[in-house]
């Protein structure tokens, strides 16, 4: 996933990139954040992505912002 967004009402709110780690070595990672989001769960939608494992399903824990 290259960038995600969340929906609030009719507004699409993009994530803010914190770090990128796309090196093409199969161990890609990226950290994004959503400012002022305080709920425990969040549904995110994907803007851009590439597929290495099309049948894989992922869950990502939300970490508290310090």
C-alpha atoms as a PDB file:
ATOM      1  CA  UNK A   1       0.000   0.000   0.000  1.00  0.00           C
ATOM      2  CA  UNK A   2       1.375   3.363  -0.923  1.00  0.00           C
ATOM      3  CA  UNK A   3      -1.126   5.700   0.712  1.00  0.00           C
ATOM      4  CA  UNK A   4      -4.390   5.285   2.578  1.00  0.00           C
ATOM      5  CA  UNK A   5      -7.268   7.542   3.507  1.00  0.00           C
ATOM      6  CA  UNK A   6     -10.184   7.481   5.915  1.00  0.00           C
ATOM      7  CA  UNK A   7     -13.710   8.753   5.422  1.00  0.00           C
ATOM      8  CA  UNK A   8     -15.417  11.159   7.793  1.00  0.00           C
ATOM      9  CA  UNK A   9     -18.942  11.975   6.619  1.00  0.00           C
ATOM     10  CA  UNK A  10     -18.461  12.855   2.942  1.00  0.00           C
ATOM     11  CA  UNK A  11     -14.828  13.900   3.368  1.00  0.00           C
ATOM     12  CA  UNK A  12     -11.864  11.741   2.302  1.00  0.00           C
ATOM     13  CA  UNK A  13      -8.966  12.390   4.679  1.00  0.00           C
ATOM     14  CA  UNK A  14      -5.548  11.198   3.443  1.00  0.00           C
ATOM     15  CA  UNK A  15      -2.925   9.824   5.787  1.00  0.00           C
ATOM     16  CA  UNK A  16       0.265  11.708   6.537  1.00  0.00           C
ATOM     17  CA  UNK A  17       3.434   9.765   5.663  1.00  0.00           C
ATOM     18  CA  UNK A  18       5.840   9.348   8.586  1.00  0.00           C
ATOM     19  CA  UNK A  19       8.373   7.046   6.914  1.00  0.00           C
ATOM     20  CA  UNK A  20       8.827   5.189   3.644  1.00  0.00           C
ATOM     21  CA  UNK A  21      10.550   1.869   3.146  1.00  0.00           C
ATOM     22  CA  UNK A  22       9.944   0.777  -0.436  1.00  0.00           C
ATOM     23  CA  UNK A  23      13.152  -0.851  -1.607  1.00  0.00           C
ATOM     24  CA  UNK A  24      11.848  -3.595  -3.906  1.00  0.00           C
ATOM     25  CA  UNK A  25      13.349  -6.310  -1.724  1.00  0.00           C
ATOM     26  CA  UNK A  26      10.028  -7.871  -0.635  1.00  0.00           C
ATOM     27  CA  UNK A  27      10.364  -6.350   2.830  1.00  0.00           C
ATOM     28  CA  UNK A  28       8.611  -3.077   2.113  1.00  0.00           C
ATOM     29  CA  UNK A  29       7.022  -1.018   4.859  1.00  0.00           C
ATOM     30  CA  UNK A  30       5.592   2.427   5.405  1.00  0.00           C
ATOM     31  CA  UNK A  31       4.261   4.259   8.448  1.00  0.00           C
ATOM     32  CA  UNK A  32       1.347   6.667   8.092  1.00  0.00           C
ATOM     33  CA  UNK A  33      -0.634   8.612  10.657  1.00  0.00           C
ATOM     34  CA  UNK A  34      -3.982  10.347  10.976  1.00  0.00           C
ATOM     35  CA  UNK A  35      -3.877  13.495  13.101  1.00  0.00           C
ATOM     36  CA  UNK A  36      -6.612  14.056  15.681  1.00  0.00           C
ATOM     37  CA  UNK A  37      -8.007  10.513  15.435  1.00  0.00           C
ATOM     38  CA  UNK A  38      -8.784   9.112  18.880  1.00  0.00           C
ATOM     39  CA  UNK A  39     -10.999   6.068  18.319  1.00  0.00           C
ATOM     40  CA  UNK A  40      -9.783   2.514  18.952  1.00  0.00           C
ATOM     41  CA  UNK A  41     -10.617   1.214  15.431  1.00  0.00           C
ATOM     42  CA  UNK A  42     -10.285   2.727  11.986  1.00  0.00           C
ATOM     43  CA  UNK A  43     -11.326   1.608   8.522  1.00  0.00           C
ATOM     44  CA  UNK A  44      -8.811   2.778   5.952  1.00  0.00           C
ATOM     45  CA  UNK A  45      -9.098   2.768   2.174  1.00  0.00           C
ATOM     46  CA  UNK A  46      -6.209   2.379  -0.235  1.00  0.00           C
ATOM     47  CA  UNK A  47      -5.266   5.032  -2.812  1.00  0.00           C
ATOM     48  CA  UNK A  48      -2.395   3.156  -4.484  1.00  0.00           C
ATOM     49  CA  UNK A  49      -0.983  -0.338  -4.116  1.00  0.00           C
ATOM     50  CA  UNK A  50       1.008  -3.124  -5.732  1.00  0.00           C
ATOM     51  CA  UNK A  51       0.418  -6.809  -5.125  1.00  0.00           C
ATOM     52  CA  UNK A  52       3.040  -9.362  -4.127  1.00  0.00           C
ATOM     53  CA  UNK A  53       0.661 -11.761  -2.354  1.00  0.00           C
ATOM     54  CA  UNK A  54      -2.850 -11.214  -3.778  1.00  0.00           C
ATOM     55  CA  UNK A  55      -4.575 -13.734  -1.470  1.00  0.00           C
ATOM     56  CA  UNK A  56      -3.051 -12.398   1.753  1.00  0.00           C
ATOM     57  CA  UNK A  57      -5.289 -10.553   4.224  1.00  0.00           C
ATOM     58  CA  UNK A  58      -3.712  -8.209   6.731  1.00  0.00           C
ATOM     59  CA  UNK A  59      -4.704  -6.541  10.003  1.00  0.00           C
ATOM     60  CA  UNK A  60      -2.592  -3.695  11.304  1.00  0.00           C
ATOM     61  CA  UNK A  61      -2.768  -2.654  14.974  1.00  0.00           C
ATOM     62  CA  UNK A  62      -3.212   1.045  15.639  1.00  0.00           C
ATOM     63  CA  UNK A  63      -0.571   2.516  17.908  1.00  0.00           C
ATOM     64  CA  UNK A  64      -1.293   5.470  20.189  1.00  0.00           C
ATOM     65  CA  UNK A  65       0.192   8.786  19.128  1.00  0.00           C
ATOM     66  CA  UNK A  66       2.536  10.309  21.654  1.00  0.00           C
END
